[in-house]
Amino acid sequence: MRFRANEDAPGTNTLTFRVQPQEGITLSLQAKRPGLAKETETVRMDFDYDRAFYGLAGEAYERVIIDAVRGDQSLFATAQEVLTSWRIVENVLQAWKADGKNLRLYPVGSPAHEIL
């Protein structure tokens, strides 16, 4: 996610969520350098899940499988949620099938500000 630019800083602040294979969050900020000059520098705050928890994060579906074995359904969608989701998606698919001219495809990794 790119934040709105500021007239006092030449760059933009960004918030990046990394899903796989290196899960984490990075916040890049334009910070004013110490002193009287109006100079900024990009600084990063980086959370790496694997590094923070010493590689003990487990595999992506490990918790889901353990919860399924234990009978904990809190991470699972109900039948009603699944049916509702498909009803919404089906409407979108039908609209694109009828007239796909407004369908916009974006390359993988496109910045969020280009998508919205």
Protein backbone atom coordinates (compact mmCIF):
# COMPACT_ATOMS: atom_id res chain seq x y z
CA MET A 1 0.00 0.00 0.00
CA ARG A 2 1.37 3.40 -0.92
CA PHE A 3 0.37 6.36 1.21
CA ARG A 4 -0.41 9.78 -0.21
CA ALA A 5 2.70 11.80 -1.05
CA ASN A 6 3.69 14.72 1.16
CA GLU A 7 5.00 17.96 -0.32
CA ASP A 8 7.77 18.03 2.31
CA ALA A 9 9.17 14.61 1.35
CA PRO A 10 10.13 13.51 -2.16
CA GLY A 11 9.25 9.81 -1.65
CA THR A 12 6.17 8.01 -0.48
CA ASN A 13 5.55 5.92 2.60
CA THR A 14 4.67 2.28 1.92
CA LEU A 15 3.23 -0.59 3.93
CA THR A 16 3.98 -4.02 2.50
CA PHE A 17 2.47 -7.30 3.66
CA ARG A 18 4.48 -10.36 2.65
CA VAL A 19 2.46 -13.56 2.54
CA GLN A 20 4.69 -16.36 1.28
CA PRO A 21 7.35 -17.62 1.28
CA GLN A 22 8.84 -15.01 3.64
CA GLU A 23 5.89 -13.84 5.78
CA GLY A 24 6.16 -10.41 7.37
CA ILE A 25 5.37 -6.71 7.26
CA THR A 26 7.58 -3.82 6.15
CA LEU A 27 6.84 -0.15 6.73
CA SER A 28 9.01 2.24 4.71
CA LEU A 29 8.86 5.85 5.86
CA GLN A 30 10.28 9.15 4.70
CA ALA A 31 11.97 10.43 7.86
CA LYS A 32 13.46 13.89 8.28
CA ARG A 33 17.18 13.76 8.82
CA PRO A 34 18.45 15.45 11.99
CA GLY A 35 19.53 19.05 11.50
CA LEU A 36 18.16 22.28 10.08
CA ALA A 37 17.97 21.21 6.42
CA LYS A 38 14.70 19.84 5.02
CA GLU A 39 16.17 16.53 3.94
CA THR A 40 14.44 13.17 4.22
CA GLU A 41 15.68 9.64 4.03
CA THR A 42 13.85 6.37 3.60
CA VAL A 43 13.92 4.25 6.75
CA ARG A 44 12.46 0.75 7.10
CA MET A 45 10.73 -0.99 9.94
CA ASP A 46 10.76 -4.68 9.11
CA PHE A 47 8.98 -7.58 10.79
CA ASP A 48 10.01 -10.99 9.52
CA TYR A 49 7.86 -13.74 11.04
CA ASP A 50 10.46 -16.48 10.66
CA ARG A 51 13.28 -14.37 12.10
CA ALA A 52 11.17 -13.05 15.00
CA PHE A 53 10.08 -16.52 16.07
CA TYR A 54 13.35 -18.32 15.31
CA GLY A 55 11.94 -20.40 12.49
CA LEU A 56 9.19 -21.87 14.69
CA ALA A 57 6.32 -20.47 12.62
CA GLY A 58 5.49 -23.85 11.08
CA GLU A 59 4.15 -24.64 7.68
CA ALA A 60 1.34 -22.59 6.16
CA TYR A 61 -1.42 -25.13 6.83
CA GLU A 62 -0.02 -26.66 10.02
CA ARG A 63 -2.36 -24.74 12.36
CA VAL A 64 -5.40 -25.41 10.17
CA ILE A 65 -4.68 -29.15 10.16
CA ILE A 66 -4.12 -29.22 13.93
CA ASP A 67 -7.36 -27.27 14.50
CA ALA A 68 -9.25 -29.69 12.23
CA VAL A 69 -7.92 -32.67 14.19
CA ARG A 70 -8.92 -30.97 17.48
CA GLY A 71 -12.37 -30.10 16.14
CA ASP A 72 -11.82 -26.32 16.38
CA GLN A 73 -13.90 -24.82 13.56
CA SER A 74 -13.03 -21.15 14.21
CA LEU A 75 -10.71 -20.93 11.16
CA PHE A 76 -13.17 -22.61 8.80
CA ALA A 77 -15.93 -21.01 6.77
CA THR A 78 -19.47 -22.16 7.40
CA ALA A 79 -21.50 -23.69 4.59
CA GLN A 80 -23.58 -20.49 4.44
CA GLU A 81 -20.43 -18.35 4.07
CA VAL A 82 -19.16 -20.53 1.23
CA LEU A 83 -22.49 -20.42 -0.60
CA THR A 84 -22.76 -16.65 -0.20
CA SER A 85 -19.20 -16.19 -1.48
CA TRP A 86 -19.91 -18.30 -4.56
CA ARG A 87 -23.13 -16.36 -5.23
CA ILE A 88 -21.14 -13.10 -5.25
CA VAL A 89 -18.34 -14.53 -7.40
CA GLU A 90 -20.81 -16.11 -9.81
CA ASN A 91 -22.46 -12.71 -10.42
CA VAL A 92 -19.06 -11.19 -11.24
CA LEU A 93 -18.13 -14.08 -13.55
CA GLN A 94 -21.45 -13.79 -15.40
CA ALA A 95 -21.00 -10.03 -15.86
CA TRP A 96 -17.50 -10.53 -17.26
CA LYS A 97 -18.70 -13.33 -19.53
CA ALA A 98 -21.48 -11.12 -20.92
CA ASP A 99 -19.20 -8.11 -21.47
CA GLY A 100 -15.53 -8.55 -20.64
CA LYS A 101 -14.43 -5.19 -22.01
CA ASN A 102 -14.29 -3.66 -18.50
CA LEU A 103 -12.22 -6.51 -17.11
CA ARG A 104 -8.79 -5.15 -16.20
CA LEU A 105 -5.87 -7.52 -15.74
CA TYR A 106 -2.82 -6.50 -13.74
CA PRO A 107 0.61 -8.07 -13.74
CA VAL A 108 1.62 -10.00 -10.63
CA GLY A 109 3.25 -7.66 -8.10
CA SER A 110 1.58 -4.51 -9.39
CA PRO A 111 1.63 -1.73 -6.78
CA ALA A 112 -1.70 -1.24 -5.00
CA HIS A 113 -2.04 2.36 -6.20
CA GLU A 114 -2.12 1.08 -9.80
CA ILE A 115 -4.90 -1.37 -8.99
CA LEU A 116 -7.27 0.93 -7.09
